[in-house]
Amino acid sequence: MAASCSTGCLRTVMPGMRLLSVMATLLFEGASASRLRAASTTSYVYTHHGQDWNSGVCGSRSRQSPIDLPGSLQGTPDGTLSYMYEPVTSPFDIVNTGHTYSADLGGYGYGGVTYEDAWYNLMNINVHVESEHTWGGQHTPLELHLVHKRYDSEALLVVAVPFKCLTPPAQGNSTGATSAFTVPPPGDAGFNQALQVFLKAAPPAADTQIKAAVAEGDALDLNTLLADGLFYEYAGSMTAPPCAEIVTWFVRQEPLTASDAQVKGLHDGIYAMTANAGNFRSVMPMNGRSLGIRKAVKEDPPPNEHEVEAPMGQATNAAATVNMAKEAFDMAKATSSYVSSLDHRLRTAAEAQAKYWVEAGPLPK
């Protein structure tokens, strides 16, 4: 069995109860990923970049995200952010939620980060155009969010990685949703191998998904997104409804580089799916929160502390355990897809109804 540092329990071949513990952990991660994906289908738009959202705690200004960060590093690191990701060598889903492109990695044991002696599993990666965070009031053209979930609670930890390019596109989708997609050439200046996983084929249409093309010889290495980075740390929230204030943020201080074609490919797709608004929320007030600095360090997590203990007396047949976990995970994914489809149909019906009343004009008196 392949090594995995995201569970701490795939380092050797394990029978019986040990395997059941692993599968329980992965199934728990998969179910959590489905809940996060279902939450992302909530109906909202970016026309006003979140200033009009009133669901959940979006109206709070206690510890909301994103925020404006210093344009240059203030101070020296006061701690480390420990991370470890396994090479992604099997195809995975990239979903167009109607709000973003989301790489679905929850439940596969691809790694994560250690923060305050607790393990956070990688769940998904989301694309934002323009960046949600700003630096001295300035956006970068692109920001990736690596969303992680604490192994024993609903707490989230998001690593935000901004990108820059030589010639950033102007805000808005000037080419339109029907422009032909071209795979960005690897030889272009600034080309980023990790970002290319979203661009090896035309991104999915609204409320659909595609399989990301990865393989043994062409693995996705997420470690490169954190390597040698200094990160701002602050307590914040989800940046989309319900805006739950359960997130610890780590925002890379220096942007990574991507090619012009890579940024434009994601830029045009995001603007097309968001009615030419982009999918970034307005920055929120700091409200007295502290801002820390941590240095990213690649290292193994503390062993075993995040495993789910298997209940005593349960069947430990390895094949049966794997099959049951796979069936449950597939069911969770199917449920998430149905919720996404239902949301799309409801939004379409609401838009059609609004259009009807506009064209029909006022009712006769």
Foldseek 3Di string as FASTA:
>chain_A
DDDFLQQLQPHDDDFFQSLLLLLVLLLVQLLLLLVVLLQLLPDDACQVQLPPDDAAVSVDQAFADDAEAAQDDDDDAPAAKEWAFAWAADWFKFWALLQWTKTADTSPRGIAIADPQWHWHFGIKTKFAFDQYHHVPHTAGIKIWGWTATLPDRFIEIEIAHEHEDDADDQFQPPAPPDDADQDDCPAPQADLLLSQCRPDQHDDHLDIDIRDGHPVRTRDPVVRQPFFKWKWWFHFDSDPVRHRRYIYTYTSDHGYHYNSSSSSRSNRNCNSRVRNINHHHHGDNNPIDIHMHHYDYDRRDRPPSTDRDDPPDDGHNVVSVVVSVVSSVVSVVVSSVSSVVSVVVVVVVVVVVVVDVVVDDDDD
